Amino acid sequence: MKAITTVALMAMLMASGLAEDQSAMEAFVGGVYREGGFAVVLDKDTALVNGKLILRDRDVYITPKGAYSNDRGTYSGRDGIVVQDKDVFTGRDGTRIAAGALYFGAGEPAIVATGLSTSMRKP
């Protein structure tokens, strides 16, 4: 019984870590990258924004607009610095706010979809 409880606890911790990593990608594409339209977070290291690929390697994001780095919620890239405070992203171009999957404020609004399942089947 103890082994089952330990396995269940480990699975919950791993799932929460994955969700945290995936939300980091969501925050980046919605609040920092600031390209309006539709974004899909495929996993913790990969996203598509209007058909353009974004990759993440730990705290570095590789985008069509160049590389961005993140240090505890302060993102720096070619467009300057963006500071994240929970659901508010403030940078040189103004402030964006996250409300669920919608990011709005400076620039065009963006919708970020997450939680896609790899087990989804084609019709």
N, C-alpha and C. Protein backbone atom coordinates (compact mmCIF):
# COMPACT_ATOMS: atom_id res chain seq x y z
N MET A 1 0.82 -1.19 0.00
CA MET A 1 0.00 0.00 0.00
C MET A 1 0.86 1.26 0.00
N LYS A 2 1.95 1.21 0.78
CA LYS A 2 2.84 2.37 0.86
C LYS A 2 3.48 2.65 -0.50
N ALA A 3 3.84 1.60 -1.25
CA ALA A 3 4.46 1.77 -2.57
C ALA A 3 3.49 2.43 -3.53
N ILE A 4 2.22 2.06 -3.48
CA ILE A 4 1.22 2.66 -4.35
C ILE A 4 1.05 4.13 -4.02
N THR A 5 1.02 4.47 -2.75
CA THR A 5 0.89 5.86 -2.34
C THR A 5 2.09 6.68 -2.81
N THR A 6 3.29 6.12 -2.70
CA THR A 6 4.50 6.82 -3.14
C THR A 6 4.47 7.04 -4.65
N VAL A 7 4.06 6.04 -5.41
CA VAL A 7 3.97 6.16 -6.86
C VAL A 7 2.93 7.23 -7.23
N ALA A 8 1.79 7.23 -6.57
CA ALA A 8 0.75 8.22 -6.86
C ALA A 8 1.25 9.63 -6.55
N LEU A 9 1.97 9.79 -5.44
CA LEU A 9 2.52 11.10 -5.08
C LEU A 9 3.54 11.56 -6.11
N MET A 10 4.41 10.67 -6.56
CA MET A 10 5.41 11.01 -7.57
C MET A 10 4.73 11.43 -8.87
N ALA A 11 3.68 10.74 -9.27
CA ALA A 11 2.96 11.07 -10.51
C ALA A 11 2.33 12.45 -10.40
N MET A 12 1.75 12.78 -9.24
CA MET A 12 1.14 14.10 -9.06
C MET A 12 2.20 15.19 -9.11
N LEU A 13 3.35 14.97 -8.50
CA LEU A 13 4.41 15.96 -8.52
C LEU A 13 4.95 16.17 -9.94
N MET A 14 5.10 15.09 -10.68
CA MET A 14 5.58 15.20 -12.06
C MET A 14 4.55 15.93 -12.92
N ALA A 15 3.28 15.65 -12.74
CA ALA A 15 2.23 16.32 -13.50
C ALA A 15 2.18 17.80 -13.18
N SER A 16 2.36 18.17 -11.91
CA SER A 16 2.34 19.59 -11.56
C SER A 16 3.56 20.29 -12.14
N GLY A 17 4.72 19.61 -12.20
CA GLY A 17 5.91 20.19 -12.82
C GLY A 17 5.71 20.41 -14.31
N LEU A 18 5.08 19.44 -14.99
CA LEU A 18 4.81 19.57 -16.41
C LEU A 18 3.84 20.71 -16.66
N ALA A 19 2.80 20.82 -15.83
CA ALA A 19 1.84 21.91 -15.98
C ALA A 19 2.53 23.26 -15.77
N GLU A 20 3.44 23.33 -14.80
CA GLU A 20 4.16 24.57 -14.54
C GLU A 20 5.04 24.94 -15.73
N ASP A 21 5.74 23.96 -16.31
CA ASP A 21 6.57 24.21 -17.48
C ASP A 21 5.73 24.63 -18.67
N GLN A 22 4.57 23.96 -18.85
CA GLN A 22 3.70 24.30 -19.97
C GLN A 22 3.13 25.70 -19.78
N SER A 23 2.82 26.09 -18.54
CA SER A 23 2.30 27.43 -18.32
C SER A 23 3.39 28.47 -18.54
N ALA A 24 4.66 28.10 -18.37
CA ALA A 24 5.76 29.02 -18.68
C ALA A 24 5.78 29.32 -20.17
N MET A 25 5.58 28.30 -21.00
CA MET A 25 5.54 28.51 -22.44
C MET A 25 4.31 29.33 -22.81
N GLU A 26 3.18 29.05 -22.17
CA GLU A 26 1.96 29.82 -22.42
C GLU A 26 2.16 31.30 -22.09
N ALA A 27 2.77 31.58 -20.95
CA ALA A 27 3.03 32.97 -20.55
C ALA A 27 3.96 33.65 -21.54
N PHE A 28 4.95 32.93 -22.02
CA PHE A 28 5.88 33.53 -22.98
C PHE A 28 5.17 33.90 -24.28
N VAL A 29 4.46 32.94 -24.89
CA VAL A 29 3.85 33.23 -26.19
C VAL A 29 2.71 34.24 -26.08
N GLY A 30 2.01 34.26 -24.96
CA GLY A 30 0.89 35.20 -24.81
C GLY A 30 1.30 36.56 -24.30
N GLY A 31 2.19 36.59 -23.31
CA GLY A 31 2.52 37.86 -22.66
C GLY A 31 3.79 38.52 -23.10
N VAL A 32 4.78 37.73 -23.54
CA VAL A 32 6.09 38.29 -23.89
C VAL A 32 6.26 38.41 -25.39
N TYR A 33 5.98 37.35 -26.12
CA TYR A 33 6.21 37.32 -27.57
C TYR A 33 5.34 38.34 -28.30
N ARG A 34 4.14 38.52 -27.85
CA ARG A 34 3.24 39.59 -28.29
C ARG A 34 2.89 39.60 -29.77
N GLU A 35 2.73 38.44 -30.33
CA GLU A 35 2.19 38.38 -31.69
C GLU A 35 0.73 38.02 -31.56
N GLY A 36 -0.12 38.89 -32.02
CA GLY A 36 -1.56 38.66 -31.90
C GLY A 36 -1.99 37.46 -32.70
N GLY A 37 -3.17 36.98 -32.44
CA GLY A 37 -3.71 35.85 -33.17
C GLY A 37 -3.89 34.65 -32.29
N PHE A 38 -3.53 33.48 -32.82
CA PHE A 38 -3.79 32.22 -32.13
C PHE A 38 -2.50 31.46 -31.92
N ALA A 39 -2.28 30.98 -30.71
CA ALA A 39 -1.10 30.19 -30.37
C ALA A 39 -1.55 28.86 -29.79
N VAL A 40 -0.79 27.82 -30.07
CA VAL A 40 -1.04 26.49 -29.52
C VAL A 40 0.23 26.03 -28.84
N VAL A 41 0.14 25.75 -27.53
CA VAL A 41 1.26 25.20 -26.79
C VAL A 41 1.17 23.68 -26.93
N LEU A 42 2.13 23.11 -27.66
CA LEU A 42 2.11 21.67 -27.93
C LEU A 42 2.64 20.87 -26.74
N ASP A 43 3.71 21.37 -26.13
CA ASP A 43 4.24 20.77 -24.91
C ASP A 43 5.07 21.83 -24.20
N LYS A 44 5.79 21.46 -23.16
CA LYS A 44 6.50 22.45 -22.36
C LYS A 44 7.61 23.17 -23.11
N ASP A 45 8.06 22.62 -24.24
CA ASP A 45 9.17 23.20 -24.99
C ASP A 45 8.83 23.62 -26.40
N THR A 46 7.56 23.49 -26.81
CA THR A 46 7.19 23.74 -28.20
C THR A 46 5.84 24.44 -28.29
N ALA A 47 5.79 25.46 -29.15
CA ALA A 47 4.52 26.14 -29.40
C ALA A 47 4.48 26.59 -30.86
N LEU A 48 3.27 26.75 -31.37
CA LEU A 48 3.06 27.32 -32.69
C LEU A 48 2.26 28.61 -32.51
N VAL A 49 2.78 29.69 -33.05
CA VAL A 49 2.08 30.98 -32.99
C VAL A 49 1.82 31.41 -34.43
N ASN A 50 0.56 31.39 -34.83
CA ASN A 50 0.18 31.71 -36.20
C ASN A 50 1.01 30.92 -37.20
N GLY A 51 1.24 29.64 -36.90
CA GLY A 51 1.98 28.77 -37.79
C GLY A 51 3.49 28.87 -37.69
N LYS A 52 4.01 29.70 -36.78
CA LYS A 52 5.45 29.86 -36.61
C LYS A 52 5.90 29.10 -35.36
N LEU A 53 6.98 28.36 -35.47
CA LEU A 53 7.47 27.51 -34.40
C LEU A 53 8.27 28.30 -33.37
N ILE A 54 8.01 28.03 -32.10
CA ILE A 54 8.79 28.58 -30.98
C ILE A 54 9.28 27.39 -30.16
N LEU A 55 10.57 27.39 -29.87
CA LEU A 55 11.18 26.32 -29.10
C LEU A 55 11.76 26.88 -27.81
N ARG A 56 11.76 26.05 -26.78
CA ARG A 56 12.29 26.46 -25.48
C ARG A 56 13.35 25.48 -25.03
N ASP A 57 14.45 26.00 -24.53
CA ASP A 57 15.50 25.18 -23.91
C ASP A 57 15.80 25.81 -22.56
N ARG A 58 15.22 25.26 -21.52
CA ARG A 58 15.30 25.77 -20.16
C ARG A 58 14.77 27.20 -20.10
N ASP A 59 15.66 28.19 -19.98
CA ASP A 59 15.23 29.59 -19.86
C ASP A 59 15.46 30.40 -21.13
N VAL A 60 15.68 29.73 -22.25
CA VAL A 60 15.90 30.41 -23.53
C VAL A 60 14.81 29.99 -24.50
N TYR A 61 14.20 30.97 -25.15
CA TYR A 61 13.14 30.75 -26.13
C TYR A 61 13.68 31.16 -27.50
N ILE A 62 13.59 30.27 -28.48
CA ILE A 62 14.04 30.54 -29.84
C ILE A 62 12.80 30.80 -30.68
N THR A 63 12.74 32.00 -31.28
CA THR A 63 11.57 32.41 -32.04
C THR A 63 11.99 32.94 -33.40
N PRO A 64 11.04 33.14 -34.32
CA PRO A 64 11.37 33.78 -35.60
C PRO A 64 11.88 35.22 -35.42
N LYS A 65 11.56 35.83 -34.29
CA LYS A 65 12.02 37.20 -34.01
C LYS A 65 13.36 37.24 -33.27
N GLY A 66 13.97 36.08 -33.03
CA GLY A 66 15.24 36.01 -32.30
C GLY A 66 15.09 35.26 -30.99
N ALA A 67 16.17 35.25 -30.22
CA ALA A 67 16.19 34.53 -28.95
C ALA A 67 15.80 35.45 -27.79
N TYR A 68 15.11 34.88 -26.82
CA TYR A 68 14.72 35.57 -25.59
C TYR A 68 15.23 34.74 -24.41
N SER A 69 15.61 35.40 -23.34
CA SER A 69 15.98 34.67 -22.14
C SER A 69 15.09 35.09 -20.99
N ASN A 70 14.93 34.20 -20.01
CA ASN A 70 14.07 34.46 -18.86
C ASN A 70 14.88 34.26 -17.58
N ASP A 71 14.85 35.24 -16.72
CA ASP A 71 15.49 35.13 -15.41
C ASP A 71 14.45 35.51 -14.36
N ARG A 72 13.78 34.50 -13.79
CA ARG A 72 12.77 34.69 -12.74
C ARG A 72 11.70 35.72 -13.10
N GLY A 73 11.15 35.61 -14.30
CA GLY A 73 10.05 36.48 -14.70
C GLY A 73 10.47 37.76 -15.39
N THR A 74 11.76 37.94 -15.63
CA THR A 74 12.24 39.08 -16.41
C THR A 74 12.79 38.52 -17.72
N TYR A 75 12.08 38.82 -18.81
CA TYR A 75 12.44 38.32 -20.12
C TYR A 75 13.20 39.39 -20.88
N SER A 76 14.28 39.02 -21.55
CA SER A 76 15.00 39.98 -22.38
C SER A 76 15.16 39.40 -23.78
N GLY A 77 15.01 40.28 -24.75
CA GLY A 77 15.12 39.88 -26.15
C GLY A 77 15.38 41.09 -27.00
N ARG A 78 15.23 40.91 -28.27
CA ARG A 78 15.54 41.98 -29.22
C ARG A 78 14.65 43.22 -29.02
N ASP A 79 13.45 43.02 -28.51
CA ASP A 79 12.52 44.14 -28.31
C ASP A 79 12.66 44.78 -26.93
N GLY A 80 13.67 44.41 -26.16
CA GLY A 80 13.85 44.98 -24.83
C GLY A 80 13.50 43.99 -23.74
N ILE A 81 13.07 44.53 -22.61
CA ILE A 81 12.79 43.71 -21.43
C ILE A 81 11.29 43.72 -21.14
N VAL A 82 10.77 42.55 -20.77
CA VAL A 82 9.38 42.41 -20.32
C VAL A 82 9.43 41.76 -18.95
N VAL A 83 8.74 42.38 -17.99
CA VAL A 83 8.71 41.87 -16.62
C VAL A 83 7.33 41.29 -16.36
N GLN A 84 7.30 40.04 -15.84
CA GLN A 84 6.05 39.37 -15.53
C GLN A 84 5.79 39.43 -14.03
N ASP A 85 4.59 39.87 -13.67
CA ASP A 85 4.12 39.82 -12.28
C ASP A 85 2.76 39.12 -12.30
N LYS A 86 2.79 37.81 -12.08
CA LYS A 86 1.61 36.94 -12.15
C LYS A 86 1.00 37.02 -13.55
N ASP A 87 -0.15 37.66 -13.74
CA ASP A 87 -0.82 37.72 -15.03
C ASP A 87 -0.63 39.06 -15.74
N VAL A 88 0.33 39.86 -15.31
CA VAL A 88 0.60 41.17 -15.91
C VAL A 88 2.02 41.18 -16.48
N PHE A 89 2.14 41.58 -17.74
CA PHE A 89 3.42 41.62 -18.44
C PHE A 89 3.69 43.05 -18.88
N THR A 90 4.72 43.67 -18.33
CA THR A 90 5.01 45.07 -18.62
C THR A 90 6.35 45.18 -19.33
N GLY A 91 6.33 45.91 -20.44
CA GLY A 91 7.55 46.12 -21.21
C GLY A 91 7.54 47.48 -21.87
N ARG A 92 8.54 47.70 -22.70
CA ARG A 92 8.70 48.97 -23.39
C ARG A 92 7.48 49.31 -24.25
N ASP A 93 6.85 48.28 -24.81
CA ASP A 93 5.70 48.48 -25.69
C ASP A 93 4.38 48.62 -24.94
N GLY A 94 4.41 48.55 -23.61
CA GLY A 94 3.19 48.67 -22.82
C GLY A 94 2.93 47.42 -21.99
N THR A 95 1.70 47.30 -21.51
CA THR A 95 1.32 46.22 -20.60
C THR A 95 0.32 45.28 -21.26
N ARG A 96 0.52 43.98 -21.03
CA ARG A 96 -0.44 42.95 -21.44
C ARG A 96 -0.93 42.25 -20.20
N ILE A 97 -2.18 41.82 -20.25
CA ILE A 97 -2.80 41.13 -19.12
C ILE A 97 -3.35 39.81 -19.61
N ALA A 98 -3.15 38.77 -18.80
CA ALA A 98 -3.69 37.45 -19.11
C ALA A 98 -5.01 37.28 -18.38
N ALA A 99 -6.03 36.88 -19.11
CA ALA A 99 -7.33 36.54 -18.53
C ALA A 99 -7.71 35.18 -19.08
N GLY A 100 -7.30 34.13 -18.37
CA GLY A 100 -7.49 32.78 -18.88
C GLY A 100 -6.58 32.57 -20.09
N ALA A 101 -7.16 32.19 -21.22
CA ALA A 101 -6.39 31.95 -22.43
C ALA A 101 -6.24 33.20 -23.29
N LEU A 102 -6.84 34.31 -22.88
CA LEU A 102 -6.78 35.56 -23.65
C LEU A 102 -5.72 36.48 -23.07
N TYR A 103 -4.86 36.99 -23.94
CA TYR A 103 -3.84 37.97 -23.56
C TYR A 103 -4.15 39.25 -24.34
N PHE A 104 -4.33 40.36 -23.62
CA PHE A 104 -4.70 41.60 -24.28
C PHE A 104 -3.97 42.77 -23.65
N GLY A 105 -4.02 43.90 -24.33
CA GLY A 105 -3.32 45.10 -23.87
C GLY A 105 -2.49 45.62 -25.02
N ALA A 106 -1.18 45.81 -24.79
CA ALA A 106 -0.28 46.29 -25.83
C ALA A 106 -0.26 45.30 -26.99
N GLY A 107 -0.43 45.80 -28.20
CA GLY A 107 -0.45 44.94 -29.38
C GLY A 107 -1.81 44.29 -29.57
N GLU A 108 -1.88 43.43 -30.56
CA GLU A 108 -3.14 42.74 -30.85
C GLU A 108 -3.38 41.62 -29.84
N PRO A 109 -4.64 41.34 -29.50
CA PRO A 109 -4.94 40.26 -28.55
C PRO A 109 -4.50 38.90 -29.09
N ALA A 110 -4.18 37.99 -28.18
CA ALA A 110 -3.79 36.63 -28.54
C ALA A 110 -4.59 35.64 -27.71
N ILE A 111 -4.90 34.51 -28.32
CA ILE A 111 -5.53 33.41 -27.63
C ILE A 111 -4.54 32.25 -27.63
N VAL A 112 -4.29 31.70 -26.44
CA VAL A 112 -3.31 30.62 -26.29
C VAL A 112 -4.03 29.36 -25.85
N ALA A 113 -3.98 28.32 -26.67
CA ALA A 113 -4.59 27.04 -26.35
C ALA A 113 -3.53 26.11 -25.76
N THR A 114 -3.87 25.45 -24.66
CA THR A 114 -2.98 24.48 -24.04
C THR A 114 -3.76 23.21 -23.72
N GLY A 115 -3.06 22.25 -23.20
CA GLY A 115 -3.71 21.03 -22.75
C GLY A 115 -4.09 20.10 -23.87
N LEU A 116 -3.43 20.19 -25.01
CA LEU A 116 -3.73 19.27 -26.10
C LEU A 116 -3.23 17.88 -25.74
N SER A 117 -3.93 16.91 -26.16
CA SER A 117 -3.58 15.52 -25.82
C SER A 117 -2.93 14.83 -27.01
N THR A 118 -1.85 14.11 -26.74
CA THR A 118 -1.21 13.34 -27.80
C THR A 118 -2.01 12.09 -28.14
N SER A 119 -3.01 11.79 -27.34
CA SER A 119 -3.81 10.60 -27.61
C SER A 119 -5.04 10.92 -28.45
N MET A 120 -5.18 12.16 -28.89
CA MET A 120 -6.32 12.52 -29.73
C MET A 120 -6.20 11.77 -31.06
N ARG A 121 -7.32 11.25 -31.54
CA ARG A 121 -7.30 10.48 -32.78
C ARG A 121 -7.90 11.27 -33.90
N LYS A 122 -7.42 11.00 -35.10
CA LYS A 122 -8.01 11.62 -36.28
C LYS A 122 -9.33 10.93 -36.56
N PRO A 123 -10.32 11.69 -37.09
CA PRO A 123 -11.62 11.07 -37.39
C PRO A 123 -11.52 10.09 -38.53
